[in-house]
């Protein structure tokens, strides 16, 4: 396992490859002039899949890098700042 991730690097790569396939499918839907609501549904599904990967990585970061021995900040205030900054970046779309 890499950097304390629950999912291995190989598992993360497979998930991201599936998401990449979803995005290619969305592109094809647009090229084929598919019904807009169907395209929007697929965009939502791809976003949800990316959010799931990001939340998993964030969870592991908190558990391994901040609480554990992963090289993150040791000061609790700095840990909270780092975690909240990451959450803020995830929510700022």
PDB file of N, CA and C in Angstrom:
ATOM      1  N   UNK A   1       0.843  -1.189   0.000  1.00  0.00           N
ATOM      2  CA  UNK A   1       0.000   0.000   0.000  1.00  0.00           C
ATOM      3  C   UNK A   1       0.879   1.239   0.000  1.00  0.00           C
ATOM      4  N   UNK A   2       0.404   2.241  -0.676  1.00  0.00           N
ATOM      5  CA  UNK A   2       1.170   3.476  -0.793  1.00  0.00           C
ATOM      6  C   UNK A   2       0.647   4.524   0.173  1.00  0.00           C
ATOM      7  N   UNK A   3       1.539   5.128   0.930  1.00  0.00           N
ATOM      8  CA  UNK A   3       1.221   6.247   1.817  1.00  0.00           C
ATOM      9  C   UNK A   3       0.021   5.993   2.723  1.00  0.00           C
ATOM     10  N   UNK A   4      -0.233   4.745   3.087  1.00  0.00           N
ATOM     11  CA  UNK A   4      -1.286   4.452   4.035  1.00  0.00           C
ATOM     12  C   UNK A   4      -2.682   4.439   3.439  1.00  0.00           C
ATOM     13  N   UNK A   5      -2.819   4.470   2.120  1.00  0.00           N
ATOM     14  CA  UNK A   5      -4.146   4.429   1.514  1.00  0.00           C
ATOM     15  C   UNK A   5      -4.794   3.094   1.819  1.00  0.00           C
ATOM     16  N   UNK A   6      -6.103   3.106   2.112  1.00  0.00           N
ATOM     17  CA  UNK A   6      -6.826   1.858   2.290  1.00  0.00           C
ATOM     18  C   UNK A   6      -6.794   1.087   0.983  1.00  0.00           C
ATOM     19  N   UNK A   7      -7.065   1.776  -0.088  1.00  0.00           N
ATOM     20  CA  UNK A   7      -6.975   1.162  -1.403  1.00  0.00           C
ATOM     21  C   UNK A   7      -5.522   1.222  -1.859  1.00  0.00           C
ATOM     22  N   UNK A   8      -5.094   0.166  -2.510  1.00  0.00           N
ATOM     23  CA  UNK A   8      -3.730   0.175  -3.026  1.00  0.00           C
ATOM     24  C   UNK A   8      -3.655   1.107  -4.224  1.00  0.00           C
ATOM     25  N   UNK A   9      -2.449   1.416  -4.616  1.00  0.00           N
ATOM     26  CA  UNK A   9      -2.248   2.264  -5.791  1.00  0.00           C
ATOM     27  C   UNK A   9      -2.904   1.612  -7.007  1.00  0.00           C
ATOM     28  N   UNK A  10      -2.797   0.304  -7.120  1.00  0.00           N
ATOM     29  CA  UNK A  10      -3.406  -0.425  -8.235  1.00  0.00           C
ATOM     30  C   UNK A  10      -4.929  -0.290  -8.218  1.00  0.00           C
ATOM     31  N   UNK A  11      -5.530  -0.405  -7.028  1.00  0.00           N
ATOM     32  CA  UNK A  11      -6.982  -0.257  -6.922  1.00  0.00           C
ATOM     33  C   UNK A  11      -7.418   1.162  -7.273  1.00  0.00           C
ATOM     34  N   UNK A  12      -6.668   2.151  -6.808  1.00  0.00           N
ATOM     35  CA  UNK A  12      -6.991   3.545  -7.138  1.00  0.00           C
ATOM     36  C   UNK A  12      -6.871   3.785  -8.636  1.00  0.00           C
ATOM     37  N   UNK A  13      -5.834   3.234  -9.240  1.00  0.00           N
ATOM     38  CA  UNK A  13      -5.642   3.385 -10.681  1.00  0.00           C
ATOM     39  C   UNK A  13      -6.806   2.761 -11.441  1.00  0.00           C
ATOM     40  N   UNK A  14      -7.253   1.597 -11.005  1.00  0.00           N
ATOM     41  CA  UNK A  14      -8.390   0.950 -11.667  1.00  0.00           C
ATOM     42  C   UNK A  14      -9.657   1.796 -11.534  1.00  0.00           C
ATOM     43  N   UNK A  15      -9.891   2.342 -10.349  1.00  0.00           N
ATOM     44  CA  UNK A  15     -11.064   3.205 -10.162  1.00  0.00           C
ATOM     45  C   UNK A  15     -10.987   4.429 -11.061  1.00  0.00           C
ATOM     46  N   UNK A  16      -9.816   5.049 -11.102  1.00  0.00           N
ATOM     47  CA  UNK A  16      -9.653   6.245 -11.929  1.00  0.00           C
ATOM     48  C   UNK A  16      -9.769   5.917 -13.414  1.00  0.00           C
ATOM     49  N   UNK A  17      -9.318   4.736 -13.817  1.00  0.00           N
ATOM     50  CA  UNK A  17      -9.475   4.324 -15.214  1.00  0.00           C
ATOM     51  C   UNK A  17     -10.951   4.136 -15.565  1.00  0.00           C
ATOM     52  N   UNK A  18     -11.734   3.607 -14.618  1.00  0.00           N
ATOM     53  CA  UNK A  18     -13.174   3.473 -14.856  1.00  0.00           C
ATOM     54  C   UNK A  18     -13.818   4.845 -15.010  1.00  0.00           C
ATOM     55  N   UNK A  19     -13.400   5.782 -14.171  1.00  0.00           N
ATOM     56  CA  UNK A  19     -13.933   7.146 -14.260  1.00  0.00           C
ATOM     57  C   UNK A  19     -13.534   7.767 -15.599  1.00  0.00           C
ATOM     58  N   UNK A  20     -12.313   7.533 -16.009  1.00  0.00           N
ATOM     59  CA  UNK A  20     -11.858   8.035 -17.309  1.00  0.00           C
ATOM     60  C   UNK A  20     -12.741   7.474 -18.419  1.00  0.00           C
ATOM     61  N   UNK A  21     -13.091   6.204 -18.317  1.00  0.00           N
ATOM     62  CA  UNK A  21     -13.994   5.595 -19.298  1.00  0.00           C
ATOM     63  C   UNK A  21     -15.371   6.243 -19.275  1.00  0.00           C
ATOM     64  N   UNK A  22     -15.849   6.570 -18.066  1.00  0.00           N
ATOM     65  CA  UNK A  22     -17.127   7.269 -17.962  1.00  0.00           C
ATOM     66  C   UNK A  22     -17.072   8.606 -18.697  1.00  0.00           C
ATOM     67  N   UNK A  23     -15.984   9.331 -18.503  1.00  0.00           N
ATOM     68  CA  UNK A  23     -15.853  10.646 -19.136  1.00  0.00           C
ATOM     69  C   UNK A  23     -15.776  10.499 -20.654  1.00  0.00           C
ATOM     70  N   UNK A  24     -15.070   9.487 -21.136  1.00  0.00           N
ATOM     71  CA  UNK A  24     -15.043   9.240 -22.588  1.00  0.00           C
ATOM     72  C   UNK A  24     -16.455   8.924 -23.090  1.00  0.00           C
ATOM     73  N   UNK A  25     -17.207   8.174 -22.301  1.00  0.00           N
ATOM     74  CA  UNK A  25     -18.588   7.868 -22.667  1.00  0.00           C
ATOM     75  C   UNK A  25     -19.445   9.121 -22.728  1.00  0.00           C
ATOM     76  N   UNK A  26     -19.221  10.032 -21.804  1.00  0.00           N
ATOM     77  CA  UNK A  26     -19.953  11.304 -21.814  1.00  0.00           C
ATOM     78  C   UNK A  26     -19.613  12.082 -23.082  1.00  0.00           C
ATOM     79  N   UNK A  27     -18.350  12.098 -23.435  1.00  0.00           N
ATOM     80  CA  UNK A  27     -17.930  12.789 -24.660  1.00  0.00           C
ATOM     81  C   UNK A  27     -18.636  12.199 -25.876  1.00  0.00           C
ATOM     82  N   UNK A  28     -18.714  10.888 -25.937  1.00  0.00           N
ATOM     83  CA  UNK A  28     -19.389  10.234 -27.054  1.00  0.00           C
ATOM     84  C   UNK A  28     -20.876  10.573 -27.056  1.00  0.00           C
ATOM     85  N   UNK A  29     -21.481  10.645 -25.872  1.00  0.00           N
ATOM     86  CA  UNK A  29     -22.893  11.023 -25.789  1.00  0.00           C
ATOM     87  C   UNK A  29     -23.115  12.412 -26.377  1.00  0.00           C
ATOM     88  N   UNK A  30     -22.214  13.332 -26.071  1.00  0.00           N
ATOM     89  CA  UNK A  30     -22.319  14.694 -26.607  1.00  0.00           C
ATOM     90  C   UNK A  30     -22.146  14.665 -28.131  1.00  0.00           C
ATOM     91  N   UNK A  31     -21.136  13.938 -28.603  1.00  0.00           N
ATOM     92  CA  UNK A  31     -20.900  13.830 -30.049  1.00  0.00           C
ATOM     93  C   UNK A  31     -22.110  13.244 -30.767  1.00  0.00           C
ATOM     94  N   UNK A  32     -22.805  12.312 -30.102  1.00  0.00           N
ATOM     95  CA  UNK A  32     -23.961  11.639 -30.697  1.00  0.00           C
ATOM     96  C   UNK A  32     -25.270  12.390 -30.468  1.00  0.00           C
ATOM     97  N   UNK A  33     -25.178  13.598 -29.906  1.00  0.00           N
ATOM     98  CA  UNK A  33     -26.365  14.420 -29.636  1.00  0.00           C
ATOM     99  C   UNK A  33     -27.402  13.684 -28.781  1.00  0.00           C
ATOM    100  N   UNK A  34     -26.922  13.012 -27.751  1.00  0.00           N
ATOM    101  CA  UNK A  34     -27.835  12.303 -26.849  1.00  0.00           C
ATOM    102  C   UNK A  34     -28.634  13.295 -26.022  1.00  0.00           C
ATOM    103  N   UNK A  35     -29.722  12.836 -25.478  1.00  0.00           N
ATOM    104  CA  UNK A  35     -30.627  13.651 -24.678  1.00  0.00           C
ATOM    105  C   UNK A  35     -29.866  14.294 -23.516  1.00  0.00           C
ATOM    106  N   UNK A  36     -30.026  15.604 -23.369  1.00  0.00           N
ATOM    107  CA  UNK A  36     -29.258  16.384 -22.385  1.00  0.00           C
ATOM    108  C   UNK A  36     -29.368  15.828 -20.972  1.00  0.00           C
ATOM    109  N   UNK A  37     -30.549  15.418 -20.573  1.00  0.00           N
ATOM    110  CA  UNK A  37     -30.730  14.920 -19.209  1.00  0.00           C
ATOM    111  C   UNK A  37     -29.940  13.632 -18.980  1.00  0.00           C
ATOM    112  N   UNK A  38     -29.801  12.820 -20.016  1.00  0.00           N
ATOM    113  CA  UNK A  38     -28.994  11.602 -19.901  1.00  0.00           C
ATOM    114  C   UNK A  38     -27.519  11.951 -19.738  1.00  0.00           C
ATOM    115  N   UNK A  39     -27.062  12.956 -20.481  1.00  0.00           N
ATOM    116  CA  UNK A  39     -25.670  13.405 -20.373  1.00  0.00           C
ATOM    117  C   UNK A  39     -25.427  13.964 -18.976  1.00  0.00           C
ATOM    118  N   UNK A  40     -26.336  14.791 -18.496  1.00  0.00           N
ATOM    119  CA  UNK A  40     -26.188  15.368 -17.155  1.00  0.00           C
ATOM    120  C   UNK A  40     -26.167  14.290 -16.085  1.00  0.00           C
ATOM    121  N   UNK A  41     -26.966  13.255 -16.254  1.00  0.00           N
ATOM    122  CA  UNK A  41     -26.966  12.144 -15.295  1.00  0.00           C
ATOM    123  C   UNK A  41     -25.601  11.458 -15.263  1.00  0.00           C
ATOM    124  N   UNK A  42     -24.989  11.290 -16.422  1.00  0.00           N
ATOM    125  CA  UNK A  42     -23.672  10.655 -16.479  1.00  0.00           C
ATOM    126  C   UNK A  42     -22.586  11.556 -15.898  1.00  0.00           C
ATOM    127  N   UNK A  43     -22.719  12.859 -16.105  1.00  0.00           N
ATOM    128  CA  UNK A  43     -21.765  13.798 -15.495  1.00  0.00           C
ATOM    129  C   UNK A  43     -21.861  13.717 -13.973  1.00  0.00           C
ATOM    130  N   UNK A  44     -23.079  13.658 -13.463  1.00  0.00           N
ATOM    131  CA  UNK A  44     -23.279  13.530 -12.017  1.00  0.00           C
ATOM    132  C   UNK A  44     -22.658  12.236 -11.501  1.00  0.00           C
ATOM    133  N   UNK A  45     -22.835  11.158 -12.228  1.00  0.00           N
ATOM    134  CA  UNK A  45     -22.261   9.873 -11.821  1.00  0.00           C
ATOM    135  C   UNK A  45     -20.734   9.935 -11.793  1.00  0.00           C
ATOM    136  N   UNK A  46     -20.129  10.571 -12.787  1.00  0.00           N
ATOM    137  CA  UNK A  46     -18.665  10.692 -12.829  1.00  0.00           C
ATOM    138  C   UNK A  46     -18.168  11.560 -11.678  1.00  0.00           C
ATOM    139  N   UNK A  47     -18.866  12.651 -11.403  1.00  0.00           N
ATOM    140  CA  UNK A  47     -18.482  13.512 -10.269  1.00  0.00           C
ATOM    141  C   UNK A  47     -18.572  12.740  -8.952  1.00  0.00           C
ATOM    142  N   UNK A  48     -19.650  11.983  -8.802  1.00  0.00           N
ATOM    143  CA  UNK A  48     -19.815  11.200  -7.574  1.00  0.00           C
ATOM    144  C   UNK A  48     -18.697  10.182  -7.414  1.00  0.00           C
ATOM    145  N   UNK A  49     -18.306   9.566  -8.515  1.00  0.00           N
ATOM    146  CA  UNK A  49     -17.220   8.586  -8.464  1.00  0.00           C
ATOM    147  C   UNK A  49     -15.908   9.260  -8.065  1.00  0.00           C
ATOM    148  N   UNK A  50     -15.632  10.435  -8.629  1.00  0.00           N
ATOM    149  CA  UNK A  50     -14.420  11.175  -8.252  1.00  0.00           C
ATOM    150  C   UNK A  50     -14.478  11.615  -6.794  1.00  0.00           C
ATOM    151  N   UNK A  51     -15.654  12.065  -6.358  1.00  0.00           N
ATOM    152  CA  UNK A  51     -15.808  12.471  -4.953  1.00  0.00           C
ATOM    153  C   UNK A  51     -15.526  11.300  -4.015  1.00  0.00           C
ATOM    154  N   UNK A  52     -15.976  10.107  -4.396  1.00  0.00           N
ATOM    155  CA  UNK A  52     -15.741   8.923  -3.562  1.00  0.00           C
ATOM    156  C   UNK A  52     -14.241   8.626  -3.448  1.00  0.00           C
ATOM    157  N   UNK A  53     -13.537   8.727  -4.562  1.00  0.00           N
ATOM    158  CA  UNK A  53     -12.086   8.517  -4.528  1.00  0.00           C
ATOM    159  C   UNK A  53     -11.436   9.584  -3.648  1.00  0.00           C
ATOM    160  N   UNK A  54     -11.835  10.838  -3.843  1.00  0.00           N
ATOM    161  CA  UNK A  54     -11.237  11.936  -3.072  1.00  0.00           C
ATOM    162  C   UNK A  54     -11.509  11.781  -1.580  1.00  0.00           C
ATOM    163  N   UNK A  55     -12.726  11.410  -1.218  1.00  0.00           N
ATOM    164  CA  UNK A  55     -13.041  11.233   0.202  1.00  0.00           C
ATOM    165  C   UNK A  55     -12.251  10.089   0.813  1.00  0.00           C
ATOM    166  N   UNK A  56     -12.067   9.028   0.053  1.00  0.00           N
ATOM    167  CA  UNK A  56     -11.245   7.921   0.539  1.00  0.00           C
ATOM    168  C   UNK A  56      -9.810   8.345   0.778  1.00  0.00           C
ATOM    169  N   UNK A  57      -9.267   9.122  -0.145  1.00  0.00           N
ATOM    170  CA  UNK A  57      -7.898   9.619   0.025  1.00  0.00           C
ATOM    171  C   UNK A  57      -7.803  10.586   1.199  1.00  0.00           C
ATOM    172  N   UNK A  58      -8.813  11.434   1.353  1.00  0.00           N
ATOM    173  CA  UNK A  58      -8.831  12.379   2.463  1.00  0.00           C
ATOM    174  C   UNK A  58      -8.921  11.643   3.806  1.00  0.00           C
ATOM    175  N   UNK A  59      -9.742  10.615   3.858  1.00  0.00           N
ATOM    176  CA  UNK A  59      -9.862   9.802   5.072  1.00  0.00           C
ATOM    177  C   UNK A  59      -8.510   9.186   5.438  1.00  0.00           C
ATOM    178  N   UNK A  60      -7.858   8.621   4.445  1.00  0.00           N
ATOM    179  CA  UNK A  60      -6.566   8.005   4.710  1.00  0.00           C
ATOM    180  C   UNK A  60      -5.512   9.040   5.080  1.00  0.00           C
ATOM    181  N   UNK A  61      -5.592  10.211   4.492  1.00  0.00           N
ATOM    182  CA  UNK A  61      -4.657  11.273   4.852  1.00  0.00           C
ATOM    183  C   UNK A  61      -4.827  11.629   6.327  1.00  0.00           C
ATOM    184  N   UNK A  62      -6.069  11.785   6.742  1.00  0.00           N
ATOM    185  CA  UNK A  62      -6.331  12.137   8.142  1.00  0.00           C
ATOM    186  C   UNK A  62      -5.835  11.050   9.074  1.00  0.00           C
ATOM    187  N   UNK A  63      -6.096   9.802   8.730  1.00  0.00           N
ATOM    188  CA  UNK A  63      -5.724   8.683   9.609  1.00  0.00           C
ATOM    189  C   UNK A  63      -4.232   8.396   9.609  1.00  0.00           C
ATOM    190  N   UNK A  64      -3.599   8.528   8.449  1.00  0.00           N
ATOM    191  CA  UNK A  64      -2.201   8.137   8.356  1.00  0.00           C
ATOM    192  C   UNK A  64      -1.256   9.323   8.521  1.00  0.00           C
ATOM    193  N   UNK A  65      -1.486  10.361   7.749  1.00  0.00           N
ATOM    194  CA  UNK A  65      -0.537  11.472   7.725  1.00  0.00           C
ATOM    195  C   UNK A  65      -0.704  12.407   8.914  1.00  0.00           C
ATOM    196  N   UNK A  66      -1.939  12.598   9.355  1.00  0.00           N
ATOM    197  CA  UNK A  66      -2.152  13.538  10.449  1.00  0.00           C
ATOM    198  C   UNK A  66      -2.097  12.857  11.812  1.00  0.00           C
ATOM    199  N   UNK A  67      -2.815  11.768  11.963  1.00  0.00           N
ATOM    200  CA  UNK A  67      -2.853  11.085  13.262  1.00  0.00           C
ATOM    201  C   UNK A  67      -1.669  10.136  13.391  1.00  0.00           C
ATOM    202  N   UNK A  68      -1.323   9.483  12.290  1.00  0.00           N
ATOM    203  CA  UNK A  68      -0.291   8.457  12.330  1.00  0.00           C
ATOM    204  C   UNK A  68       1.102   9.004  12.163  1.00  0.00           C
ATOM    205  N   UNK A  69       1.868   8.264  11.428  1.00  0.00           N
ATOM    206  CA  UNK A  69       3.288   8.562  11.275  1.00  0.00           C
ATOM    207  C   UNK A  69       3.601   8.838   9.809  1.00  0.00           C
ATOM    208  N   UNK A  70       2.815   9.702   9.175  1.00  0.00           N
ATOM    209  CA  UNK A  70       2.952   9.886   7.740  1.00  0.00           C
ATOM    210  C   UNK A  70       3.669  11.127   7.303  1.00  0.00           C
ATOM    211  N   UNK A  71       4.253  11.877   8.197  1.00  0.00           N
ATOM    212  CA  UNK A  71       5.023  13.031   7.794  1.00  0.00           C
ATOM    213  C   UNK A  71       4.233  14.315   7.676  1.00  0.00           C
ATOM    214  N   UNK A  72       2.963  14.297   8.090  1.00  0.00           N
ATOM    215  CA  UNK A  72       2.173  15.521   8.075  1.00  0.00           C
ATOM    216  C   UNK A  72       2.533  16.394   9.259  1.00  0.00           C
ATOM    217  N   UNK A  73       1.859  17.527   9.398  1.00  0.00           N
ATOM    218  CA  UNK A  73       2.149  18.415  10.524  1.00  0.00           C
ATOM    219  C   UNK A  73       1.845  17.733  11.858  1.00  0.00           C
ATOM    220  N   UNK A  74       2.622  18.067  12.864  1.00  0.00           N
ATOM    221  CA  UNK A  74       2.426  17.444  14.179  1.00  0.00           C
ATOM    222  C   UNK A  74       1.597  18.317  15.115  1.00  0.00           C
ATOM    223  N   UNK A  75       1.573  19.607  14.883  1.00  0.00           N
ATOM    224  CA  UNK A  75       0.788  20.505  15.715  1.00  0.00           C
ATOM    225  C   UNK A  75      -0.696  20.327  15.397  1.00  0.00           C
ATOM    226  N   UNK A  76      -1.548  20.100  16.409  1.00  0.00           N
ATOM    227  CA  UNK A  76      -2.980  19.885  16.153  1.00  0.00           C
ATOM    228  C   UNK A  76      -3.654  21.014  15.374  1.00  0.00           C
ATOM    229  N   UNK A  77      -3.278  22.264  15.646  1.00  0.00           N
ATOM    230  CA  UNK A  77      -3.866  23.375  14.890  1.00  0.00           C
ATOM    231  C   UNK A  77      -3.462  23.316  13.419  1.00  0.00           C
ATOM    232  N   UNK A  78      -2.197  22.989  13.157  1.00  0.00           N
ATOM    233  CA  UNK A  78      -1.733  22.857  11.772  1.00  0.00           C
ATOM    234  C   UNK A  78      -2.413  21.677  11.082  1.00  0.00           C
ATOM    235  N   UNK A  79      -2.628  20.589  11.834  1.00  0.00           N
ATOM    236  CA  UNK A  79      -3.327  19.434  11.264  1.00  0.00           C
ATOM    237  C   UNK A  79      -4.749  19.816  10.863  1.00  0.00           C
ATOM    238  N   UNK A  80      -5.444  20.517  11.764  1.00  0.00           N
ATOM    239  CA  UNK A  80      -6.810  20.948  11.473  1.00  0.00           C
ATOM    240  C   UNK A  80      -6.834  21.890  10.277  1.00  0.00           C
ATOM    241  N   UNK A  81      -5.890  22.812  10.224  1.00  0.00           N
ATOM    242  CA  UNK A  81      -5.817  23.746   9.094  1.00  0.00           C
ATOM    243  C   UNK A  81      -5.615  22.999   7.777  1.00  0.00           C
ATOM    244  N   UNK A  82      -4.698  22.029   7.784  1.00  0.00           N
ATOM    245  CA  UNK A  82      -4.424  21.274   6.568  1.00  0.00           C
ATOM    246  C   UNK A  82      -5.647  20.477   6.130  1.00  0.00           C
ATOM    247  N   UNK A  83      -6.303  19.825   7.081  1.00  0.00           N
ATOM    248  CA  UNK A  83      -7.485  19.031   6.764  1.00  0.00           C
ATOM    249  C   UNK A  83      -8.615  19.905   6.233  1.00  0.00           C
ATOM    250  N   UNK A  84      -8.853  21.030   6.888  1.00  0.00           N
ATOM    251  CA  UNK A  84      -9.936  21.910   6.461  1.00  0.00           C
ATOM    252  C   UNK A  84      -9.631  22.558   5.109  1.00  0.00           C
ATOM    253  N   UNK A  85      -8.376  22.832   4.836  1.00  0.00           N
ATOM    254  CA  UNK A  85      -8.011  23.389   3.535  1.00  0.00           C
ATOM    255  C   UNK A  85      -8.308  22.354   2.435  1.00  0.00           C
ATOM    256  N   UNK A  86      -8.007  21.092   2.717  1.00  0.00           N
ATOM    257  CA  UNK A  86      -8.291  20.042   1.731  1.00  0.00           C
ATOM    258  C   UNK A  86      -9.792  19.891   1.515  1.00  0.00           C
ATOM    259  N   UNK A  87     -10.566  19.920   2.584  1.00  0.00           N
ATOM    260  CA  UNK A  87     -12.024  19.839   2.470  1.00  0.00           C
ATOM    261  C   UNK A  87     -12.540  21.051   1.689  1.00  0.00           C
ATOM    262  N   UNK A  88     -12.017  22.213   1.989  1.00  0.00           N
ATOM    263  CA  UNK A  88     -12.431  23.422   1.290  1.00  0.00           C
ATOM    264  C   UNK A  88     -12.184  23.330  -0.203  1.00  0.00           C
ATOM    265  N   UNK A  89     -11.032  22.776  -0.588  1.00  0.00           N
ATOM    266  CA  UNK A  89     -10.739  22.621  -2.016  1.00  0.00           C
ATOM    267  C   UNK A  89     -11.720  21.645  -2.663  1.00  0.00           C
ATOM    268  N   UNK A  90     -12.099  20.604  -1.941  1.00  0.00           N
ATOM    269  CA  UNK A  90     -13.050  19.643  -2.481  1.00  0.00           C
ATOM    270  C   UNK A  90     -14.436  20.255  -2.676  1.00  0.00           C
ATOM    271  N   UNK A  91     -14.811  21.148  -1.791  1.00  0.00           N
ATOM    272  CA  UNK A  91     -16.150  21.725  -1.838  1.00  0.00           C
ATOM    273  C   UNK A  91     -16.264  22.948  -2.734  1.00  0.00           C
ATOM    274  N   UNK A  92     -15.159  23.491  -3.180  1.00  0.00           N
ATOM    275  CA  UNK A  92     -15.187  24.767  -3.889  1.00  0.00           C
ATOM    276  C   UNK A  92     -15.367  24.639  -5.394  1.00  0.00           C
ATOM    277  N   UNK A  93     -16.216  23.775  -5.809  1.00  0.00           N
ATOM    278  CA  UNK A  93     -16.410  23.661  -7.253  1.00  0.00           C
ATOM    279  C   UNK A  93     -17.628  24.341  -7.691  1.00  0.00           C
TER     280      UNK A  93
END
